[in-house]
């Protein structure tokens, strides 16, 4: 099927369908990507900083960030911990 795909000039949707069928039957040797599970606190912190923060919601985001329990290890393990501290200091 891979040779047929390269020999014939097919529409991109058919090429995509062939690739999906091929990799469904013969998955690549690398395996799937394992992602680390994030806690609810880390997910909410990322939402406030990355999606909800803009000029109109700055004060609300500031109060939410100041209400976090920053001594909690779950919050400190977040990759956004240092940038949040910098934001709160400024």
N, C-alpha and C. Protein backbone atom coordinates (compact mmCIF):
# COMPACT_ATOMS: atom_id res chain seq x y z
N UNK A 1 0.82 -1.20 0.00
CA UNK A 1 0.00 0.00 0.00
C UNK A 1 0.86 1.26 0.00
N UNK A 2 2.00 1.18 0.67
CA UNK A 2 2.87 2.35 0.71
C UNK A 2 3.43 2.66 -0.68
N UNK A 3 3.73 1.60 -1.46
CA UNK A 3 4.21 1.83 -2.83
C UNK A 3 3.10 2.41 -3.68
N UNK A 4 1.89 1.91 -3.50
CA UNK A 4 0.77 2.41 -4.28
C UNK A 4 0.52 3.89 -3.97
N UNK A 5 0.73 4.25 -2.72
CA UNK A 5 0.54 5.64 -2.32
C UNK A 5 1.55 6.55 -3.01
N UNK A 6 2.80 6.10 -3.13
CA UNK A 6 3.82 6.94 -3.73
C UNK A 6 3.74 6.94 -5.26
N UNK A 7 3.27 5.85 -5.87
CA UNK A 7 3.21 5.77 -7.33
C UNK A 7 2.04 6.59 -7.87
N UNK A 8 0.91 6.46 -7.22
CA UNK A 8 -0.28 7.17 -7.72
C UNK A 8 -0.38 8.56 -7.12
N UNK A 9 -0.93 9.46 -7.88
CA UNK A 9 -1.18 10.80 -7.40
C UNK A 9 -2.59 10.82 -6.80
N UNK A 10 -2.67 10.70 -5.47
CA UNK A 10 -3.97 10.63 -4.80
C UNK A 10 -4.25 11.93 -4.06
N UNK A 11 -5.52 12.10 -3.74
CA UNK A 11 -5.91 13.25 -2.95
C UNK A 11 -5.32 13.11 -1.55
N UNK A 12 -5.05 14.24 -0.91
CA UNK A 12 -4.45 14.18 0.43
C UNK A 12 -5.30 13.42 1.45
N UNK A 13 -6.61 13.48 1.33
CA UNK A 13 -7.44 12.78 2.31
C UNK A 13 -7.28 11.27 2.19
N UNK A 14 -7.07 10.75 0.96
CA UNK A 14 -6.86 9.32 0.78
C UNK A 14 -5.48 8.90 1.30
N UNK A 15 -4.50 9.75 1.10
CA UNK A 15 -3.16 9.48 1.63
C UNK A 15 -3.23 9.42 3.15
N UNK A 16 -3.96 10.35 3.74
CA UNK A 16 -4.13 10.39 5.19
C UNK A 16 -4.84 9.13 5.69
N UNK A 17 -5.87 8.70 4.98
CA UNK A 17 -6.59 7.48 5.36
C UNK A 17 -5.68 6.25 5.27
N UNK A 18 -4.86 6.17 4.23
CA UNK A 18 -3.94 5.05 4.09
C UNK A 18 -2.90 5.04 5.21
N UNK A 19 -2.38 6.21 5.54
CA UNK A 19 -1.41 6.29 6.63
C UNK A 19 -2.02 5.85 7.95
N UNK A 20 -3.23 6.31 8.23
CA UNK A 20 -3.90 5.93 9.48
C UNK A 20 -4.13 4.43 9.55
N UNK A 21 -4.58 3.85 8.44
CA UNK A 21 -4.82 2.40 8.42
C UNK A 21 -3.52 1.63 8.59
N UNK A 22 -2.47 2.07 7.92
CA UNK A 22 -1.18 1.38 8.02
C UNK A 22 -0.63 1.43 9.45
N UNK A 23 -0.64 2.62 10.06
CA UNK A 23 -0.08 2.75 11.40
C UNK A 23 -0.99 2.16 12.47
N UNK A 24 -2.25 1.95 12.15
CA UNK A 24 -3.13 1.26 13.08
C UNK A 24 -2.79 -0.23 13.12
N UNK A 25 -2.46 -0.79 11.97
CA UNK A 25 -2.11 -2.21 11.89
C UNK A 25 -0.66 -2.44 12.34
N UNK A 26 0.25 -1.61 11.87
CA UNK A 26 1.68 -1.75 12.20
C UNK A 26 2.16 -0.48 12.90
N UNK A 27 1.97 -0.37 14.22
CA UNK A 27 2.39 0.86 14.90
C UNK A 27 3.90 1.01 14.89
N UNK A 28 4.40 2.25 14.95
CA UNK A 28 5.85 2.46 14.95
C UNK A 28 6.49 1.89 16.21
N UNK A 29 7.76 1.59 16.12
CA UNK A 29 8.46 0.94 17.22
C UNK A 29 8.65 1.85 18.43
N UNK A 30 8.59 3.15 18.23
CA UNK A 30 8.83 4.09 19.31
C UNK A 30 7.81 4.03 20.42
N UNK A 31 6.60 3.62 20.12
CA UNK A 31 5.56 3.57 21.13
C UNK A 31 4.86 4.90 21.29
N UNK A 32 3.99 4.95 22.25
CA UNK A 32 3.22 6.17 22.47
C UNK A 32 3.94 7.07 23.46
N UNK A 33 3.50 8.30 23.52
CA UNK A 33 4.08 9.29 24.42
C UNK A 33 3.35 9.19 25.76
N UNK A 34 4.12 9.07 26.83
CA UNK A 34 3.53 9.01 28.16
C UNK A 34 3.66 10.38 28.79
N UNK A 35 2.52 10.95 29.13
CA UNK A 35 2.51 12.28 29.74
C UNK A 35 2.24 12.16 31.22
N UNK A 36 2.85 13.06 31.97
CA UNK A 36 2.67 13.07 33.40
C UNK A 36 1.31 13.69 33.72
N UNK A 37 0.60 13.07 34.64
CA UNK A 37 -0.70 13.60 35.05
C UNK A 37 -0.50 14.85 35.89
N UNK A 38 -1.29 15.88 35.59
CA UNK A 38 -1.23 17.11 36.37
C UNK A 38 -2.36 17.10 37.38
N UNK A 39 -2.10 17.71 38.51
CA UNK A 39 -3.15 17.80 39.53
C UNK A 39 -4.14 18.89 39.14
N UNK A 40 -5.22 18.94 39.85
CA UNK A 40 -6.26 19.94 39.58
C UNK A 40 -5.72 21.34 39.85
N UNK A 41 -4.90 21.47 40.91
CA UNK A 41 -4.34 22.78 41.25
C UNK A 41 -3.41 23.28 40.14
N UNK A 42 -2.57 22.39 39.62
CA UNK A 42 -1.65 22.79 38.55
C UNK A 42 -2.41 23.14 37.28
N UNK A 43 -3.45 22.38 36.97
CA UNK A 43 -4.25 22.67 35.79
C UNK A 43 -4.94 24.02 35.92
N UNK A 44 -5.49 24.31 37.10
CA UNK A 44 -6.15 25.59 37.32
C UNK A 44 -5.16 26.74 37.26
N UNK A 45 -3.98 26.54 37.82
CA UNK A 45 -2.95 27.58 37.77
C UNK A 45 -2.54 27.89 36.33
N UNK A 46 -2.37 26.86 35.52
CA UNK A 46 -2.06 27.07 34.11
C UNK A 46 -3.19 27.77 33.38
N UNK A 47 -4.44 27.43 33.73
CA UNK A 47 -5.59 28.08 33.10
C UNK A 47 -5.60 29.57 33.43
N UNK A 48 -5.39 29.90 34.69
CA UNK A 48 -5.43 31.32 35.10
C UNK A 48 -4.32 32.10 34.42
N UNK A 49 -3.12 31.53 34.36
CA UNK A 49 -1.99 32.27 33.80
C UNK A 49 -1.94 32.29 32.28
N UNK A 50 -2.28 31.18 31.66
CA UNK A 50 -2.07 31.07 30.21
C UNK A 50 -3.30 31.41 29.38
N UNK A 51 -4.48 31.16 29.90
CA UNK A 51 -5.67 31.37 29.09
C UNK A 51 -6.52 32.54 29.56
N UNK A 52 -6.66 32.69 30.86
CA UNK A 52 -7.61 33.67 31.40
C UNK A 52 -6.98 35.03 31.65
N UNK A 53 -5.68 35.12 31.68
CA UNK A 53 -5.01 36.37 32.04
C UNK A 53 -4.94 37.31 30.84
N UNK A 54 -5.58 38.46 30.97
CA UNK A 54 -5.46 39.53 29.98
C UNK A 54 -5.64 40.86 30.69
N UNK A 55 -5.70 41.95 29.98
CA UNK A 55 -5.75 43.27 30.61
C UNK A 55 -7.02 43.48 31.43
N UNK A 56 -8.13 42.93 30.97
CA UNK A 56 -9.39 43.16 31.69
C UNK A 56 -9.53 42.28 32.93
N UNK A 57 -8.88 41.14 32.96
CA UNK A 57 -9.01 40.22 34.10
C UNK A 57 -7.77 40.20 34.98
N UNK A 58 -6.94 41.21 34.88
CA UNK A 58 -5.69 41.24 35.62
C UNK A 58 -5.92 41.27 37.13
N UNK A 59 -6.83 42.10 37.59
CA UNK A 59 -7.08 42.21 39.04
C UNK A 59 -7.67 40.92 39.60
N UNK A 60 -8.58 40.31 38.86
CA UNK A 60 -9.18 39.06 39.32
C UNK A 60 -8.14 37.95 39.38
N UNK A 61 -7.28 37.87 38.35
CA UNK A 61 -6.24 36.86 38.33
C UNK A 61 -5.24 37.10 39.46
N UNK A 62 -4.97 38.35 39.76
CA UNK A 62 -4.05 38.69 40.85
C UNK A 62 -4.60 38.21 42.19
N UNK A 63 -5.89 38.44 42.44
CA UNK A 63 -6.48 37.99 43.70
C UNK A 63 -6.52 36.46 43.79
N UNK A 64 -6.79 35.80 42.67
CA UNK A 64 -6.81 34.33 42.68
C UNK A 64 -5.42 33.79 42.96
N UNK A 65 -4.40 34.38 42.35
CA UNK A 65 -3.04 33.91 42.57
C UNK A 65 -2.58 34.16 44.00
N UNK A 66 -3.00 35.26 44.59
CA UNK A 66 -2.60 35.55 45.96
C UNK A 66 -3.30 34.64 46.97
N UNK A 67 -4.47 34.10 46.61
CA UNK A 67 -5.20 33.20 47.51
C UNK A 67 -4.67 31.78 47.49
N UNK A 68 -3.80 31.43 46.56
CA UNK A 68 -3.23 30.08 46.50
C UNK A 68 -2.40 29.82 47.75
N UNK A 69 -2.38 28.56 48.18
CA UNK A 69 -1.54 28.14 49.29
C UNK A 69 -0.16 27.80 48.72
N UNK A 70 0.74 28.78 48.70
CA UNK A 70 2.04 28.61 48.04
C UNK A 70 2.99 27.74 48.85
N UNK A 71 2.64 27.43 50.10
CA UNK A 71 3.49 26.53 50.88
C UNK A 71 3.19 25.07 50.57
N UNK A 72 2.12 24.81 49.84
CA UNK A 72 1.74 23.45 49.46
C UNK A 72 2.72 22.91 48.42
N UNK A 73 3.21 21.68 48.63
CA UNK A 73 4.17 21.08 47.70
C UNK A 73 3.56 20.84 46.32
N UNK A 74 2.27 20.55 46.29
CA UNK A 74 1.59 20.29 45.01
C UNK A 74 1.65 21.51 44.10
N UNK A 75 1.52 22.68 44.68
CA UNK A 75 1.58 23.92 43.91
C UNK A 75 3.03 24.25 43.55
N UNK A 76 3.95 23.98 44.47
CA UNK A 76 5.36 24.29 44.23
C UNK A 76 5.98 23.44 43.13
N UNK A 77 5.43 22.27 42.87
CA UNK A 77 5.96 21.40 41.84
C UNK A 77 5.53 21.83 40.45
N UNK A 78 4.67 22.79 40.36
CA UNK A 78 4.21 23.27 39.07
C UNK A 78 5.35 23.96 38.34
N UNK A 79 5.46 23.75 37.01
CA UNK A 79 6.52 24.42 36.25
C UNK A 79 6.33 25.93 36.18
N UNK A 80 5.14 26.41 36.55
CA UNK A 80 4.87 27.84 36.49
C UNK A 80 5.10 28.52 37.84
N UNK A 81 5.69 27.82 38.79
CA UNK A 81 5.86 28.36 40.13
C UNK A 81 6.75 29.60 40.14
N UNK A 82 7.90 29.55 39.51
CA UNK A 82 8.84 30.69 39.51
C UNK A 82 8.26 31.88 38.75
N UNK A 83 7.69 31.69 37.53
CA UNK A 83 7.10 32.85 36.86
C UNK A 83 5.97 33.50 37.65
N UNK A 84 5.21 32.72 38.40
CA UNK A 84 4.12 33.30 39.22
C UNK A 84 4.71 34.14 40.33
N UNK A 85 5.76 33.67 40.95
CA UNK A 85 6.39 34.47 42.00
C UNK A 85 6.91 35.79 41.46
N UNK A 86 7.47 35.77 40.29
CA UNK A 86 7.96 37.00 39.68
C UNK A 86 6.80 37.96 39.41
N UNK A 87 5.68 37.43 38.93
CA UNK A 87 4.50 38.26 38.66
C UNK A 87 3.97 38.86 39.95
N UNK A 88 3.89 38.06 41.01
CA UNK A 88 3.35 38.55 42.28
C UNK A 88 4.26 39.58 42.93
N UNK A 89 5.55 39.45 42.72
CA UNK A 89 6.48 40.43 43.31
C UNK A 89 6.36 41.77 42.61
N UNK A 90 6.19 41.74 41.29
CA UNK A 90 6.08 42.99 40.54
C UNK A 90 4.74 43.57 40.80
